[in-house]
Protein backbone atom coordinates (compact mmCIF):
# COMPACT_ATOMS: atom_id res chain seq x y z
CA MET A 1 125.63 92.84 109.06
CA ASN A 2 123.15 94.69 111.29
CA LEU A 3 119.53 93.56 111.49
CA PHE A 4 116.57 95.86 112.16
CA ARG A 5 113.12 94.93 113.39
CA ARG A 6 112.03 98.46 112.45
CA PRO A 7 113.71 101.11 110.29
CA TRP A 8 113.90 103.51 113.25
CA ALA A 9 115.57 100.98 115.58
CA SER A 10 118.05 102.61 117.97
CA PRO A 11 121.73 101.56 117.92
CA GLU A 12 121.40 99.31 120.95
CA ASP A 13 118.80 97.25 119.05
CA ILE A 14 121.30 96.52 116.31
CA SER A 15 123.30 93.41 117.08
CA ALA A 16 123.95 89.88 115.97
CA GLY A 17 121.98 88.79 119.02
CA ILE A 18 118.69 90.17 117.74
CA GLY A 19 117.39 86.61 117.68
CA SER A 20 115.04 85.23 115.09
CA LEU A 21 112.84 87.46 112.97
CA GLY A 22 109.10 86.87 113.23
CA PRO A 23 105.73 87.93 111.81
CA GLY A 24 105.78 91.26 113.66
CA ASP A 25 109.18 92.34 112.29
CA CYS A 26 110.49 94.20 109.27
CA PHE A 27 113.31 92.35 107.51
CA LEU A 28 115.91 95.09 107.13
CA VAL A 29 119.69 94.82 107.01
CA GLU A 30 122.37 97.49 107.08
CA GLU A 31 125.79 96.54 105.75
CA ALA A 32 128.50 97.61 103.34
CA ALA A 33 127.02 98.29 99.92
CA GLU A 34 129.49 95.89 98.30
CA ASP A 35 128.37 92.88 100.37
CA GLY A 36 126.11 90.69 98.29
CA GLY A 37 126.27 87.18 99.66
CA HIS A 38 122.53 87.01 100.37
CA PRO A 39 119.43 87.60 98.21
CA TYR A 40 118.83 91.19 99.33
CA ALA A 41 117.03 94.03 97.59
CA GLN A 42 118.84 97.35 98.09
CA LEU A 43 116.66 100.23 99.29
CA LEU A 44 119.05 103.09 100.14
CA ASP A 45 122.77 103.83 100.16
CA TRP A 46 124.93 106.55 101.70
CA GLN A 47 128.54 107.41 102.56
CA VAL A 48 130.12 106.90 106.01
CA ASP A 49 133.78 107.93 106.33
CA GLY A 50 134.28 107.46 102.61
CA ARG A 51 132.71 103.99 102.57
CA LYS A 52 129.35 103.13 101.08
CA ARG A 53 126.70 101.70 103.39
CA ALA A 54 123.34 100.37 102.27
CA LEU A 55 119.94 99.52 103.69
CA LYS A 56 118.68 96.27 102.22
CA LEU A 57 115.55 94.15 102.45
CA LEU A 58 115.50 90.40 103.07
CA PRO A 59 112.92 88.19 101.34
CA TYR A 60 110.26 86.28 103.26
CA PRO A 61 110.82 82.51 103.16
CA LYS A 62 108.01 80.69 101.36
CA ALA A 63 108.00 77.95 104.00
CA GLY A 64 107.43 80.49 106.79
CA HIS A 65 110.72 79.73 108.51
CA ALA A 66 114.43 79.63 107.72
CA LYS A 67 117.53 78.56 109.60
CA GLY A 68 119.37 81.69 108.52
CA PRO A 69 121.36 83.63 109.09
CA PRO A 70 119.21 85.36 110.05
CA ALA A 71 116.83 82.80 111.54
CA VAL A 72 113.14 83.26 110.71
CA GLU A 73 110.27 81.70 112.64
CA GLY A 74 106.49 81.93 112.80
CA LEU A 75 105.74 83.53 109.43
CA PRO A 76 102.76 82.37 107.35
CA PHE A 77 103.75 79.95 104.62
CA ARG A 78 102.99 80.45 100.94
CA PRO A 79 99.56 78.74 100.55
CA LYS A 80 99.17 75.88 98.11
CA THR A 81 96.84 76.63 95.22
CA ASN A 82 94.91 73.34 95.32
CA VAL A 83 94.14 73.10 99.05
CA ASP A 84 91.27 74.73 100.92
CA PRO A 85 92.38 76.14 104.29
CA LYS A 86 91.36 74.04 107.30
CA THR A 87 93.74 74.88 110.13
CA THR A 88 94.38 78.23 111.81
CA GLN A 89 97.79 78.47 110.15
CA GLU A 90 96.28 77.81 106.72
CA TYR A 91 93.63 80.49 107.21
CA GLU A 92 96.33 82.98 108.29
CA ALA A 93 98.38 82.13 105.20
CA ALA A 94 95.32 82.52 102.94
CA ALA A 95 94.52 85.90 104.52
CA ALA A 96 98.12 87.06 104.01
CA LEU A 97 97.95 86.00 100.36
CA GLY A 98 94.67 87.87 99.97
CA ARG A 99 96.17 91.08 101.36
CA MET A 100 99.15 90.71 99.04
CA ASN A 101 96.90 90.21 96.02
CA GLN A 102 94.90 93.32 96.94
CA VAL A 103 98.08 95.41 97.05
CA VAL A 104 99.24 93.96 93.74
CA ALA A 105 95.82 94.71 92.22
CA ARG A 106 96.22 98.41 93.07
CA LEU A 107 99.69 98.37 91.49
CA MET A 108 98.41 96.60 88.37
CA GLU A 109 95.93 99.44 87.89
CA LEU A 110 98.92 101.69 87.32
CA GLU A 111 99.79 99.64 84.22
CA ALA A 112 96.39 100.43 82.70
CA ALA A 113 96.70 104.09 83.70
CA LEU A 114 100.06 104.36 81.92
CA ASP A 115 98.28 103.90 78.58
CA ASP A 116 97.53 107.63 78.73
CA PRO A 117 100.68 109.36 80.13
CA GLU A 118 98.92 112.72 80.44
CA LYS A 119 96.20 111.30 82.68
CA VAL A 120 98.11 108.71 84.69
CA TRP A 121 97.16 109.98 88.13
CA SER A 122 93.56 110.85 87.34
CA ARG A 123 92.96 107.40 85.84
CA LEU A 124 94.72 105.72 88.76
CA LEU A 125 92.63 107.73 91.23
CA GLU A 126 89.43 106.60 89.52
CA ALA A 127 90.56 102.95 89.69
CA TRP A 128 91.39 103.22 93.40
CA GLN A 129 88.06 104.88 94.14
CA ARG A 130 86.31 101.94 92.46
CA ALA A 131 88.35 99.59 94.68
CA GLU A 132 86.87 101.30 97.75
CA ASN A 133 83.64 99.45 96.99
CA GLU A 134 84.24 95.81 97.99
CA GLU A 135 81.14 94.77 96.08
CA ASN A 136 83.04 95.65 92.90
CA PRO A 137 85.82 92.99 92.96
CA ARG A 138 89.17 93.47 91.30
CA MET A 139 89.84 92.53 87.71
CA ALA A 140 92.24 89.60 87.50
CA GLU A 141 93.57 87.15 84.95
CA ILE A 142 91.05 84.49 86.00
CA VAL A 143 88.18 86.96 85.49
CA ARG A 144 89.34 87.68 81.96
CA GLN A 145 89.73 83.98 81.23
CA ALA A 146 86.32 83.13 82.68
CA ARG A 147 84.87 85.57 80.17
CA ASP A 148 87.03 84.74 77.12
CA ILE A 149 87.90 81.04 77.44
CA LEU A 150 84.52 79.64 78.51
CA PRO A 151 83.08 79.59 74.95
CA ARG A 152 86.23 77.76 73.79
CA LEU A 153 85.81 75.10 76.44
CA HIS A 154 82.17 74.57 75.45
CA SER A 155 83.25 74.11 71.85
CA LEU A 156 86.04 71.70 72.75
CA GLU A 157 83.82 69.58 75.00
CA LYS A 158 81.47 68.96 72.08
CA GLY A 159 84.30 67.74 69.86
CA ILE A 160 87.23 66.55 71.94
CA ARG A 161 89.99 65.44 69.61
CA ARG A 162 90.72 61.74 69.52
CA VAL A 163 93.09 59.42 67.71
CA LEU A 164 92.80 55.77 66.65
CA ARG A 165 95.43 53.61 68.35
CA ARG A 166 96.45 50.39 66.56
CA THR A 167 96.69 47.34 68.85
CA ARG A 168 96.82 43.57 68.32
CA GLU A 169 93.87 41.67 69.73
CA MET A 170 92.16 38.32 69.29
CA THR A 171 89.41 39.25 66.83
CA PRO A 172 86.51 37.25 65.32
CA LEU A 173 87.24 36.23 61.75
CA SER A 174 84.24 38.16 60.46
CA ARG A 175 85.59 41.42 61.91
CA VAL A 176 89.23 41.15 60.80
CA GLN A 177 90.12 44.19 58.68
CA GLU A 178 93.87 44.57 59.01
CA MET A 179 96.83 42.33 59.74
CA ASP A 180 100.51 43.00 60.17
CA ARG A 181 103.57 40.79 60.09
CA ALA A 182 103.12 39.63 63.66
CA SER A 183 99.50 38.68 62.97
CA MET A 184 100.46 36.66 59.92
CA LEU A 185 103.23 34.87 61.80
CA TRP A 186 100.72 33.98 64.51
CA ILE A 187 98.23 32.47 62.06
CA ALA A 188 101.00 30.63 60.25
CA ARG A 189 102.01 28.86 63.47
CA GLN A 190 98.51 27.58 64.20
CA PRO A 191 97.58 23.97 63.21
CA GLY A 192 95.21 23.43 60.29
CA ARG A 193 95.01 23.70 56.53
CA THR A 194 92.48 26.50 56.09
CA LEU A 195 92.07 29.85 57.77
CA ALA A 196 88.93 28.63 59.55
CA GLU A 197 90.76 25.61 60.94
CA ARG A 198 93.67 27.76 62.13
CA ALA A 199 91.21 30.13 63.90
CA GLY A 200 90.19 27.25 66.17
CA SER A 201 86.85 26.48 67.78
CA ARG A 202 86.28 30.11 68.83
CA GLN A 203 86.98 31.33 65.27
CA ARG A 204 89.24 34.15 66.48
CA MET A 205 92.68 35.23 65.32
CA LEU A 206 95.29 37.86 66.16
CA ALA A 207 94.64 41.02 64.10
CA ILE A 208 95.03 44.78 64.12
CA VAL A 209 92.22 46.62 65.90
CA ARG A 210 91.84 50.39 66.13
CA HIS A 211 90.47 52.01 69.31
CA GLU A 212 89.58 55.63 70.01
CA ASN A 213 92.05 57.26 72.40
CA PHE A 214 91.61 60.70 73.95
CA ASP A 215 94.95 60.85 75.77
CA THR A 216 96.62 63.21 73.30
CA LEU A 217 99.01 66.06 74.09
CA GLU A 218 96.43 68.74 73.37
CA ASN A 219 93.88 67.06 75.65
CA ARG A 220 96.45 66.65 78.41
CA VAL A 221 97.10 70.41 78.18
CA LEU A 222 93.34 70.99 78.30
CA HIS A 223 93.05 68.81 81.41
CA ALA A 224 95.99 70.56 83.11
CA TYR A 225 94.45 73.93 82.32
CA VAL A 226 91.01 73.25 83.83
CA VAL A 227 92.63 71.89 87.02
CA LEU A 228 94.79 75.00 87.41
CA ALA A 229 91.97 77.37 86.44
CA ALA A 230 89.65 75.80 89.02
CA ASP A 231 92.29 76.29 91.73
CA VAL A 232 92.94 79.92 90.77
CA ALA A 233 89.19 80.61 90.60
CA ARG A 234 88.73 79.10 94.07
CA GLU A 235 91.44 81.38 95.45
CA TRP A 236 89.87 84.45 93.82
CA ILE A 237 86.42 83.56 95.16
CA GLN A 238 87.75 83.16 98.70
CA GLU A 239 89.23 86.67 98.55
CA HIS A 240 85.97 88.25 97.35
CA GLN A 241 83.25 86.71 99.53
CA SER A 242 81.85 90.20 100.15
CA ALA A 243 81.22 90.57 96.41
CA SER A 244 79.07 87.45 96.05
CA THR A 245 76.28 89.43 94.36
CA SER A 246 78.54 91.00 91.71
CA THR A 247 78.67 89.96 88.07
CA ARG A 248 82.39 89.16 88.19
CA TYR A 249 81.93 86.89 91.18
CA ARG A 250 79.14 85.00 89.45
CA ILE A 251 81.17 84.62 86.26
CA VAL A 252 84.19 83.21 88.10
CA ALA A 253 82.05 80.92 90.29
CA ASP A 254 80.28 79.50 87.21
CA TYR A 255 83.63 79.08 85.46
CA ARG A 256 85.04 77.13 88.40
CA ARG A 257 82.03 74.79 88.42
CA TYR A 258 82.39 74.16 84.70
CA CYS A 259 86.14 73.51 85.00
CA ARG A 260 85.47 70.97 87.75
CA HIS A 261 82.88 69.31 85.51
CA LEU A 262 85.47 69.03 82.73
CA MET A 263 87.99 67.59 85.20
CA ARG A 264 85.60 64.67 85.85
CA VAL A 265 84.92 64.21 82.13
CA PHE A 266 88.63 64.10 81.27
CA SER A 267 89.39 61.69 84.10
CA ASP A 268 86.64 59.33 82.88
CA LEU A 269 88.15 59.45 79.37
CA GLY A 270 91.57 58.50 80.73
CA ILE A 271 93.21 61.79 79.80
CA GLY A 272 96.36 62.61 81.76
CA ARG A 273 97.74 66.04 82.62
CA ALA A 274 100.55 67.82 80.81
CA GLY A 275 103.43 69.28 82.76
CA PRO A 276 105.00 72.73 82.30
CA GLY A 277 107.64 73.01 79.61
CA ILE A 278 105.99 70.81 76.98
CA THR A 279 106.68 71.45 73.30
CA PRO A 280 103.36 72.35 71.61
CA ASN A 281 102.27 70.16 68.72
CA TYR A 282 100.47 71.15 65.52
CA VAL A 283 97.02 71.17 67.13
CA LEU A 284 98.08 73.46 70.00
CA THR A 285 99.54 76.00 67.59
CA ASP A 286 97.06 75.86 64.69
CA ASN A 287 93.66 74.97 66.17
CA ARG A 288 92.16 78.23 67.41
CA ASP A 289 90.32 76.84 70.45
CA TYR A 290 93.22 74.68 71.65
CA ARG A 291 95.68 77.51 71.01
CA MET A 292 93.70 79.96 73.17
CA VAL A 293 93.48 77.42 75.99
CA TYR A 294 97.20 76.68 75.73
CA ASN A 295 98.10 80.39 75.94
CA ALA A 296 95.71 80.86 78.88
CA TRP A 297 97.38 77.90 80.63
CA LEU A 298 100.80 79.47 80.15
CA ARG A 299 99.56 82.77 81.62
CA LEU A 300 98.25 81.02 84.73
CA ILE A 301 101.52 79.11 85.14
CA ARG A 302 103.43 82.38 84.84
CA ARG A 303 101.08 83.93 87.40
CA GLU A 304 101.86 81.18 89.92
CA ARG A 305 105.58 81.78 89.47
CA GLU A 306 105.06 85.52 89.87
CA ILE A 307 103.14 84.97 93.10
CA ASP A 308 106.07 82.96 94.47
CA ASP A 309 108.34 85.94 93.81
CA LEU A 310 105.81 88.48 95.07
CA TRP A 311 105.31 86.50 98.28
CA ALA A 312 109.02 86.70 99.05
CA TRP A 313 109.20 90.44 98.28
CA GLN A 314 105.74 91.71 99.24
CA ALA A 315 107.30 94.38 101.47
CA GLN A 316 108.58 95.92 98.22
CA SER A 317 105.07 95.94 96.77
CA TRP A 318 103.76 97.61 99.92
CA THR A 319 106.34 100.39 99.56
CA ASP A 320 105.26 100.96 95.94
CA PHE A 321 101.61 101.00 97.05
CA CYS A 322 102.38 103.63 99.70
CA THR A 323 104.32 105.69 97.16
CA LEU A 324 101.30 105.78 94.87
CA ALA A 325 98.99 106.55 97.81
CA VAL A 326 101.08 109.55 98.88
CA THR A 327 101.26 110.81 95.28
CA LEU A 328 97.48 110.51 94.85
CA SER A 329 96.91 112.36 98.13
CA LEU A 330 98.90 115.28 96.71
CA PHE A 331 97.17 115.02 93.34
CA THR A 332 93.77 115.51 95.00
CA LEU A 333 94.75 118.81 96.70
CA ASP A 334 92.68 121.65 95.25
CA GLU A 335 95.62 123.98 94.69
CA ALA A 336 98.11 121.36 93.51
CA ASP A 337 99.21 121.32 89.88
CA LEU A 338 101.30 118.42 88.57
CA VAL A 339 104.19 120.19 86.84
CA ALA A 340 106.52 117.23 86.25
CA GLN A 341 106.59 113.48 86.58
CA SER A 342 109.21 110.83 86.01
CA PRO A 343 108.78 108.34 83.17
CA VAL A 344 107.52 105.10 84.68
CA LEU A 345 108.95 101.88 83.22
CA TRP A 346 106.52 99.00 83.73
CA ASN A 347 108.14 95.58 84.05
CA SER A 348 106.60 92.63 82.22
CA GLU A 349 107.02 90.67 85.46
CA ALA A 350 107.86 91.69 89.00
CA ILE A 351 111.58 92.02 89.78
CA THR A 352 112.14 91.48 93.52
CA GLY A 353 108.53 92.47 94.06
CA ARG A 354 108.65 95.65 91.98
CA TRP A 355 106.41 96.10 88.96
CA PHE A 356 107.74 99.48 87.89
CA GLU A 357 110.89 101.59 87.95
CA GLN A 358 111.12 105.37 87.98
CA ASP A 359 113.60 108.19 88.41
CA ASN A 360 113.42 110.63 91.29
CA PRO A 361 111.43 112.66 91.93
CA LEU A 362 108.49 110.53 90.85
CA ALA A 363 106.19 113.55 90.74
CA VAL A 364 106.54 117.30 91.32
CA PHE A 365 103.55 119.41 92.41
CA TRP A 366 103.24 123.19 92.42
CA LEU A 367 100.94 124.64 95.10
CA ARG A 368 99.58 127.75 93.39
CA GLU A 369 98.32 129.69 96.41
CA THR A 370 100.89 128.58 98.97
CA GLY A 371 103.83 128.99 96.62
CA ARG A 372 105.53 125.70 97.40
CA ILE A 373 107.03 122.87 95.40
CA VAL A 374 106.44 119.33 96.67
CA GLU A 375 108.49 116.39 95.35
CA VAL A 376 107.72 112.71 95.88
CA GLN A 377 110.88 110.60 96.09
CA ALA A 378 110.75 106.80 96.29
CA ARG A 379 113.85 104.82 97.23
CA PRO A 380 116.34 107.57 96.35
CA LYS A 381 119.61 105.95 95.31
CA THR A 382 121.86 108.07 97.51
CA VAL A 383 120.75 109.88 100.67
CA SER A 384 122.39 112.19 103.20
CA SER A 385 123.68 111.01 106.57
CA ARG A 386 120.67 112.60 108.27
CA GLN A 387 118.25 110.77 105.97
CA ALA A 388 120.17 107.53 106.47
CA ALA A 389 119.72 107.85 110.23
CA VAL A 390 115.92 107.46 109.97
CA ARG A 391 116.03 104.90 107.11
CA ALA A 392 112.76 105.90 105.40
CA HIS A 393 112.13 104.51 101.92
CA VAL A 394 109.86 107.32 100.69
CA TRP A 395 110.36 111.08 101.10
CA LEU A 396 108.51 114.31 100.52
CA ARG A 397 110.67 117.36 99.80
CA ILE A 398 108.89 120.68 100.31
CA THR A 399 110.45 123.90 99.05
CA ASP A 400 108.97 127.32 99.81
CA ILE A 401 109.98 129.45 96.81
CA LYS A 402 108.49 132.60 98.38
CA GLY A 403 110.79 132.47 101.41
CA ASP A 404 114.46 132.00 102.16
CA GLY A 405 114.04 128.99 104.48
CA MET A 406 115.67 125.64 103.91
CA PRO A 407 113.68 122.84 102.24
CA ARG A 408 111.76 120.48 104.48
CA ARG A 409 112.05 116.71 104.15
CA ILE A 410 109.24 114.46 105.38
CA PRO A 411 110.25 110.81 105.88
CA VAL A 412 107.52 108.29 105.05
CA TRP A 413 108.16 104.92 106.68
CA THR A 414 106.39 102.05 104.90
CA ILE A 415 106.50 99.16 107.34
CA HIS A 416 105.25 95.73 106.30
CA CYS A 417 104.61 92.92 108.78
CA PHE A 418 102.40 89.84 108.97
CA GLN A 419 100.60 90.95 112.10
CA PRO A 420 99.33 94.34 113.31
CA GLY A 421 101.58 96.35 115.58
CA ASP A 422 101.02 98.90 118.32
CA MET A 423 100.67 102.11 116.34
CA THR A 424 101.12 104.26 119.45
CA ALA A 425 104.49 102.66 120.15
CA GLU A 426 105.44 102.83 116.48
CA VAL A 427 104.98 106.59 116.17
CA GLN A 428 106.70 107.24 119.49
CA GLN A 429 109.78 105.31 118.43
CA ALA A 430 109.77 106.90 114.98
CA ALA A 431 109.55 110.38 116.53
CA ARG A 432 112.52 109.63 118.83
CA SER A 433 114.61 108.51 115.86
CA LEU A 434 113.66 111.71 114.04
CA GLN A 435 114.64 113.71 117.11
CA MET A 436 118.03 111.96 117.27
CA ALA A 437 118.60 112.68 113.58
CA GLN A 438 118.51 116.41 114.36
CA GLN A 439 121.95 116.04 115.95
CA ILE A 440 123.44 115.21 112.54
CA ARG A 441 124.44 118.18 110.44
CA GLY A 442 122.27 118.77 107.40
CA VAL A 443 120.82 121.39 105.11
CA ASN A 444 117.21 120.18 105.31
CA ILE A 445 114.61 120.59 108.04
CA MET A 446 113.26 117.24 109.29
CA LYS A 447 110.61 117.83 111.95
CA ASN A 448 107.64 115.79 110.65
CA GLY A 449 107.24 112.16 109.67
CA LEU A 450 104.62 109.65 108.53
CA VAL A 451 104.33 105.91 109.28
CA LEU A 452 102.20 103.82 106.88
CA SER A 453 101.34 100.21 107.72
CA GLN A 454 98.72 97.63 106.82
CA ALA A 455 95.46 97.90 108.77
CA PHE A 456 94.41 94.22 108.80
CA GLY A 457 90.82 95.46 108.53
CA SER A 458 91.07 97.93 111.45
CA PRO A 459 92.45 101.34 110.34
CA GLN A 460 94.29 103.33 113.00
CA VAL A 461 95.46 106.92 113.32
CA GLU A 462 97.98 107.98 115.96
CA GLU A 463 100.18 111.04 116.41
CA THR A 464 102.96 111.95 118.83
CA ASP A 465 105.37 114.80 119.50
CA ALA A 466 108.91 114.16 120.73
CA GLY A 467 110.97 117.29 121.26
CA GLY A 468 109.19 119.18 118.50
CA CYS A 469 109.33 116.23 116.05
CA ILE A 470 105.78 115.26 115.11
CA VAL A 471 105.05 111.86 113.60
CA ARG A 472 101.66 110.56 112.56
CA GLY A 473 100.92 106.89 112.01
CA LEU A 474 98.24 105.64 109.60
CA SER A 475 97.19 102.12 108.80
CA LEU A 476 95.15 101.26 105.73
CA ASP A 477 94.35 98.37 103.43
CA ALA A 478 94.29 98.16 99.66
CA VAL A 479 90.57 97.60 99.23
CA GLY A 480 87.19 98.52 100.64
CA ASP A 481 86.26 100.92 103.41
CA SER A 482 89.72 100.59 104.97
CA LEU A 483 91.24 101.96 101.75
CA ALA A 484 88.70 104.80 101.61
CA ARG A 485 89.24 105.83 105.24
CA GLY A 486 93.01 105.50 104.97
CA MET A 487 93.18 107.66 101.85
CA ARG A 488 90.99 110.33 103.49
CA GLU A 489 93.23 110.45 106.56
CA LEU A 490 96.35 110.43 104.40
CA GLY A 491 95.04 113.27 102.25
CA ALA A 492 94.17 115.38 105.29
CA TYR A 493 97.60 114.85 106.86
CA VAL A 494 99.51 115.55 103.65
CA GLN A 495 97.50 118.74 103.24
CA ASP A 496 98.44 119.83 106.77
CA LEU A 497 102.11 119.06 106.07
CA VAL A 498 102.45 120.94 102.81
CA LEU A 499 100.30 123.91 103.75
CA GLU A 500 101.58 124.60 107.27
CA THR A 501 104.04 127.41 107.94
CA ALA A 502 107.56 126.07 107.78
CA PRO A 503 109.33 126.13 111.16
């Protein structure tokens, strides 16, 4: 098993003595394709001397560290949903979760765009352009619930269901309404000839008394829901402080306050909290208000489980985000016509961080004036030895149908780390790996490359030339001005790549 801190790592960097992986590293492994003793996600595979090799991705540990192999140290931990950050480490973890949620939000907009297969990319482009305005916060499950469930909670608070519990208590004779066998045995054992004499000087006897009780299954589900909804709303609010004047922000903030009010009400009434996996009773399935709250509770629970999986595999989500970004940059070219696209299969829940599956190429564009075909390929199943040498997850294949030259392949490295790197060093190392790949025989020209990384709020653009191999590095975020600037730079670079004269 060979570990890589970066996909373009040189052979001398590949060894068992690489040490522990940290927040500035990519978690990549190269090994035989058949090896599967660890929870890896396979990215690429190729043939070496008749044997299959594969590039795989390791998950991030939720605790921020792992004994290994390989050992992991210093990563942010998966934040708890019910704790406000106080320490530096907690703020770093919350920021990492916020960046992950922003990337996932851009991917979720693809699901809505898929409703109209003929306009997928135009609808996705419109959604991403809206995301460039941070004062227009992302739609999320808690936003929908704040809008749809709030009237149900108001209705339920006015008429919380209760039951009458039967208990035995010492009761004044004048208020006795019901007795059972135990009550009659008690009175029979008391001294005296009449009922009044047996009741004693205080004129009280053991009888059945009914008391109102609110601790029912449906109310325990209601209590569990408002606690979870308040936590999820708090997390959403923290991620969208810049949108404090927006309607969505106000709706979610008001919803959180109301859920916290209900938490106090339910605690005063002695209502406990239901745990996941309960079997719904008649009220939860047949009462409309309780049923809607129960289904909303299940969606939030499922969301928390999805976030656990997405946290471990967020490098996968970043690769999908970059794939969509590159495709949109081609879609916006004036002379580009989308002539073919792969069917996109949307998953009901993320599988190792991936929300959708597609064939390759994902999209094919025809440049009318230039006379070129551009294909977007994401995680191709089998690659050539030359492609394997640079270990890029996303590729552009450019074919000039007017000339006799060989197709050009543009590797797009999508690196994901928990702290910003030195973009100048990144592009220099990537260019050297591309230069070394020229020594491997192949039928495609590989002279240009692109590195995409997260900006952490500070977009960067760097370019370098190593022996005629030109690599540009861009960093961008998934929301706000950083998204807008990154997409503009990406569009300009892609245009230069596809329109330049092939070497």
